[in-house]
Amino acid sequence: MLKNLRRFLVVGEKEIFRELAEILVLAEEANSLLFHIIVENYKGKALAEAMLTIRMLEKKSDDIAFKVGEDITGGAVNIGTHCPTC
């Protein structure tokens, strides 16, 4: 099914999906780090460094999400033009 979907996507749409996948990877990394903070009971410098890393991952994710929003509103996605039977 994904192969069929890929045939209908234009370059801008493929880039948006790639960026959304990158956001998911960043979220998974941040969640994993948060899990370790809780389970291993980080304290002091280790906690501060881990929290800084999470903030940096969130910032990177926010930047990507902002770009995706700009791409969508800027016309990178052609809504309704890919239905071969419409």
N, C-alpha and C. Protein backbone atom coordinates (compact mmCIF):
# COMPACT_ATOMS: atom_id res chain seq x y z
N MET A 1 0.81 -1.19 0.00
CA MET A 1 0.00 0.00 0.00
C MET A 1 0.86 1.26 0.00
N LEU A 2 1.96 1.25 0.78
CA LEU A 2 2.83 2.43 0.81
C LEU A 2 3.47 2.69 -0.54
N LYS A 3 3.80 1.62 -1.27
CA LYS A 3 4.38 1.81 -2.60
C LYS A 3 3.39 2.51 -3.51
N ASN A 4 2.11 2.15 -3.41
CA ASN A 4 1.08 2.80 -4.21
C ASN A 4 0.96 4.27 -3.85
N LEU A 5 1.02 4.57 -2.56
CA LEU A 5 0.93 5.96 -2.10
C LEU A 5 2.11 6.77 -2.62
N ARG A 6 3.30 6.19 -2.58
CA ARG A 6 4.50 6.92 -3.02
C ARG A 6 4.43 7.36 -4.47
N ARG A 7 3.74 6.58 -5.31
CA ARG A 7 3.64 6.94 -6.72
C ARG A 7 2.86 8.23 -6.92
N PHE A 8 1.97 8.55 -6.00
CA PHE A 8 1.11 9.72 -6.15
C PHE A 8 1.69 10.98 -5.49
N LEU A 9 2.77 10.82 -4.74
CA LEU A 9 3.34 11.96 -4.03
C LEU A 9 4.29 12.74 -4.92
N VAL A 10 4.23 14.05 -4.81
CA VAL A 10 5.20 14.89 -5.51
C VAL A 10 6.38 15.13 -4.58
N VAL A 11 7.42 15.74 -5.08
CA VAL A 11 8.65 15.93 -4.32
C VAL A 11 8.39 16.64 -2.99
N GLY A 12 7.62 17.70 -3.00
CA GLY A 12 7.35 18.45 -1.77
C GLY A 12 6.64 17.61 -0.73
N GLU A 13 5.72 16.79 -1.18
CA GLU A 13 4.99 15.93 -0.25
C GLU A 13 5.90 14.85 0.33
N LYS A 14 6.78 14.31 -0.49
CA LYS A 14 7.74 13.32 0.01
C LYS A 14 8.63 13.93 1.08
N GLU A 15 9.05 15.15 0.86
CA GLU A 15 9.89 15.85 1.84
C GLU A 15 9.14 16.06 3.15
N ILE A 16 7.88 16.40 3.06
CA ILE A 16 7.07 16.59 4.27
C ILE A 16 6.97 15.29 5.06
N PHE A 17 6.72 14.19 4.37
CA PHE A 17 6.65 12.90 5.06
C PHE A 17 7.99 12.53 5.67
N ARG A 18 9.09 12.85 4.99
CA ARG A 18 10.41 12.58 5.54
C ARG A 18 10.63 13.39 6.81
N GLU A 19 10.21 14.65 6.77
CA GLU A 19 10.37 15.51 7.94
C GLU A 19 9.48 15.06 9.10
N LEU A 20 8.27 14.62 8.80
CA LEU A 20 7.40 14.10 9.86
C LEU A 20 8.00 12.85 10.48
N ALA A 21 8.63 12.01 9.67
CA ALA A 21 9.30 10.82 10.20
C ALA A 21 10.46 11.23 11.10
N GLU A 22 11.16 12.29 10.73
CA GLU A 22 12.27 12.78 11.55
C GLU A 22 11.75 13.27 12.91
N ILE A 23 10.60 13.92 12.93
CA ILE A 23 10.00 14.35 14.19
C ILE A 23 9.73 13.13 15.08
N LEU A 24 9.23 12.07 14.49
CA LEU A 24 8.95 10.85 15.26
C LEU A 24 10.23 10.26 15.85
N VAL A 25 11.31 10.28 15.09
CA VAL A 25 12.60 9.77 15.59
C VAL A 25 13.08 10.63 16.76
N LEU A 26 12.95 11.94 16.63
CA LEU A 26 13.36 12.84 17.72
C LEU A 26 12.51 12.61 18.96
N ALA A 27 11.21 12.41 18.78
CA ALA A 27 10.32 12.16 19.91
C ALA A 27 10.68 10.86 20.60
N GLU A 28 10.99 9.85 19.81
CA GLU A 28 11.38 8.56 20.39
C GLU A 28 12.66 8.71 21.20
N GLU A 29 13.61 9.46 20.69
CA GLU A 29 14.87 9.68 21.40
C GLU A 29 14.63 10.44 22.71
N ALA A 30 13.80 11.47 22.66
CA ALA A 30 13.50 12.24 23.87
C ALA A 30 12.76 11.38 24.90
N ASN A 31 11.81 10.58 24.44
CA ASN A 31 11.06 9.72 25.35
C ASN A 31 11.97 8.67 25.99
N SER A 32 12.88 8.12 25.22
CA SER A 32 13.83 7.15 25.76
C SER A 32 14.70 7.78 26.83
N LEU A 33 15.17 8.98 26.57
CA LEU A 33 16.00 9.69 27.54
C LEU A 33 15.21 9.99 28.80
N LEU A 34 13.98 10.43 28.64
CA LEU A 34 13.12 10.69 29.80
C LEU A 34 12.89 9.42 30.62
N PHE A 35 12.69 8.31 29.94
CA PHE A 35 12.53 7.03 30.62
C PHE A 35 13.75 6.72 31.48
N HIS A 36 14.96 6.92 30.91
CA HIS A 36 16.19 6.67 31.66
C HIS A 36 16.33 7.62 32.84
N ILE A 37 15.93 8.86 32.66
CA ILE A 37 15.98 9.83 33.76
C ILE A 37 15.15 9.31 34.93
N ILE A 38 13.96 8.82 34.63
CA ILE A 38 13.05 8.37 35.69
C ILE A 38 13.53 7.05 36.30
N VAL A 39 13.85 6.08 35.47
CA VAL A 39 14.22 4.75 35.97
C VAL A 39 15.54 4.79 36.73
N GLU A 40 16.49 5.53 36.21
CA GLU A 40 17.82 5.56 36.82
C GLU A 40 17.97 6.68 37.84
N ASN A 41 16.88 7.45 38.04
CA ASN A 41 16.86 8.50 39.06
C ASN A 41 18.05 9.46 38.92
N TYR A 42 18.16 10.05 37.72
CA TYR A 42 19.23 11.01 37.46
C TYR A 42 19.16 12.14 38.49
N LYS A 43 20.32 12.64 38.85
CA LYS A 43 20.41 13.77 39.77
C LYS A 43 21.54 14.69 39.33
N GLY A 44 21.51 15.91 39.84
CA GLY A 44 22.59 16.86 39.63
C GLY A 44 22.92 17.12 38.18
N LYS A 45 24.23 17.02 37.88
CA LYS A 45 24.73 17.36 36.55
C LYS A 45 24.15 16.42 35.48
N ALA A 46 24.01 15.15 35.79
CA ALA A 46 23.46 14.20 34.82
C ALA A 46 22.03 14.57 34.45
N LEU A 47 21.24 14.98 35.44
CA LEU A 47 19.86 15.38 35.19
C LEU A 47 19.82 16.66 34.35
N ALA A 48 20.66 17.62 34.70
CA ALA A 48 20.70 18.89 33.96
C ALA A 48 21.09 18.65 32.50
N GLU A 49 22.09 17.81 32.27
CA GLU A 49 22.51 17.52 30.90
C GLU A 49 21.43 16.78 30.11
N ALA A 50 20.77 15.83 30.76
CA ALA A 50 19.71 15.08 30.09
C ALA A 50 18.54 16.01 29.74
N MET A 51 18.18 16.88 30.65
CA MET A 51 17.08 17.81 30.39
C MET A 51 17.44 18.78 29.27
N LEU A 52 18.68 19.22 29.23
CA LEU A 52 19.13 20.09 28.14
C LEU A 52 19.04 19.36 26.80
N THR A 53 19.43 18.11 26.78
CA THR A 53 19.34 17.32 25.56
C THR A 53 17.89 17.20 25.10
N ILE A 54 16.98 16.94 26.05
CA ILE A 54 15.56 16.85 25.71
C ILE A 54 15.05 18.18 25.15
N ARG A 55 15.44 19.28 25.75
CA ARG A 55 15.03 20.60 25.25
C ARG A 55 15.55 20.84 23.83
N MET A 56 16.78 20.40 23.57
CA MET A 56 17.36 20.57 22.23
C MET A 56 16.60 19.72 21.21
N LEU A 57 16.22 18.49 21.60
CA LEU A 57 15.45 17.63 20.71
C LEU A 57 14.08 18.25 20.44
N GLU A 58 13.45 18.81 21.47
CA GLU A 58 12.15 19.47 21.29
C GLU A 58 12.26 20.68 20.38
N LYS A 59 13.32 21.44 20.53
CA LYS A 59 13.54 22.63 19.69
C LYS A 59 13.71 22.21 18.23
N LYS A 60 14.50 21.16 18.02
CA LYS A 60 14.72 20.68 16.66
C LYS A 60 13.40 20.19 16.05
N SER A 61 12.62 19.49 16.85
CA SER A 61 11.31 19.02 16.40
C SER A 61 10.38 20.19 16.09
N ASP A 62 10.38 21.20 16.94
CA ASP A 62 9.56 22.39 16.70
C ASP A 62 9.96 23.09 15.40
N ASP A 63 11.26 23.19 15.15
CA ASP A 63 11.75 23.82 13.93
C ASP A 63 11.27 23.06 12.69
N ILE A 64 11.33 21.74 12.77
CA ILE A 64 10.88 20.92 11.64
C ILE A 64 9.37 21.09 11.45
N ALA A 65 8.62 21.06 12.56
CA ALA A 65 7.16 21.21 12.47
C ALA A 65 6.79 22.56 11.87
N PHE A 66 7.51 23.62 12.25
CA PHE A 66 7.25 24.94 11.70
C PHE A 66 7.51 24.94 10.19
N LYS A 67 8.61 24.30 9.76
CA LYS A 67 8.92 24.22 8.34
C LYS A 67 7.85 23.43 7.58
N VAL A 68 7.38 22.33 8.17
CA VAL A 68 6.33 21.55 7.54
C VAL A 68 5.07 22.41 7.36
N GLY A 69 4.72 23.16 8.40
CA GLY A 69 3.56 24.05 8.31
C GLY A 69 3.73 25.07 7.20
N GLU A 70 4.92 25.64 7.09
CA GLU A 70 5.18 26.61 6.01
C GLU A 70 5.10 25.94 4.64
N ASP A 71 5.64 24.73 4.54
CA ASP A 71 5.60 24.01 3.26
C ASP A 71 4.16 23.72 2.84
N ILE A 72 3.34 23.32 3.80
CA ILE A 72 1.95 23.00 3.49
C ILE A 72 1.19 24.26 3.07
N THR A 73 1.33 25.32 3.84
CA THR A 73 0.62 26.55 3.49
C THR A 73 1.22 27.23 2.27
N GLY A 74 2.47 26.90 1.96
CA GLY A 74 3.13 27.49 0.80
C GLY A 74 2.87 26.75 -0.50
N GLY A 75 2.11 25.64 -0.43
CA GLY A 75 1.73 24.96 -1.65
C GLY A 75 2.53 23.72 -1.99
N ALA A 76 3.31 23.19 -1.05
CA ALA A 76 4.08 21.97 -1.33
C ALA A 76 3.17 20.75 -1.44
N VAL A 77 1.97 20.85 -0.88
CA VAL A 77 1.02 19.74 -0.92
C VAL A 77 -0.16 20.15 -1.78
N ASN A 78 -0.47 19.34 -2.76
CA ASN A 78 -1.60 19.59 -3.65
C ASN A 78 -2.76 18.73 -3.19
N ILE A 79 -3.66 19.28 -2.44
CA ILE A 79 -4.77 18.54 -1.89
C ILE A 79 -5.79 18.25 -2.98
N GLY A 80 -6.19 16.98 -3.06
CA GLY A 80 -7.26 16.58 -3.96
C GLY A 80 -6.85 16.34 -5.40
N THR A 81 -5.58 16.39 -5.72
CA THR A 81 -5.18 16.22 -7.11
C THR A 81 -4.64 14.83 -7.41
N HIS A 82 -4.60 13.93 -6.42
CA HIS A 82 -3.94 12.65 -6.62
C HIS A 82 -4.91 11.49 -6.82
N CYS A 83 -6.16 11.71 -6.71
CA CYS A 83 -7.14 10.63 -6.84
C CYS A 83 -7.30 10.26 -8.31
N PRO A 84 -6.84 9.05 -8.69
CA PRO A 84 -6.91 8.67 -10.10
C PRO A 84 -8.32 8.42 -10.59
N THR A 85 -9.28 8.20 -9.69
CA THR A 85 -10.65 7.92 -10.10
C THR A 85 -11.58 9.10 -9.92
N CYS A 86 -11.06 10.22 -9.41
CA CYS A 86 -11.91 11.39 -9.15
C CYS A 86 -12.11 12.22 -10.41
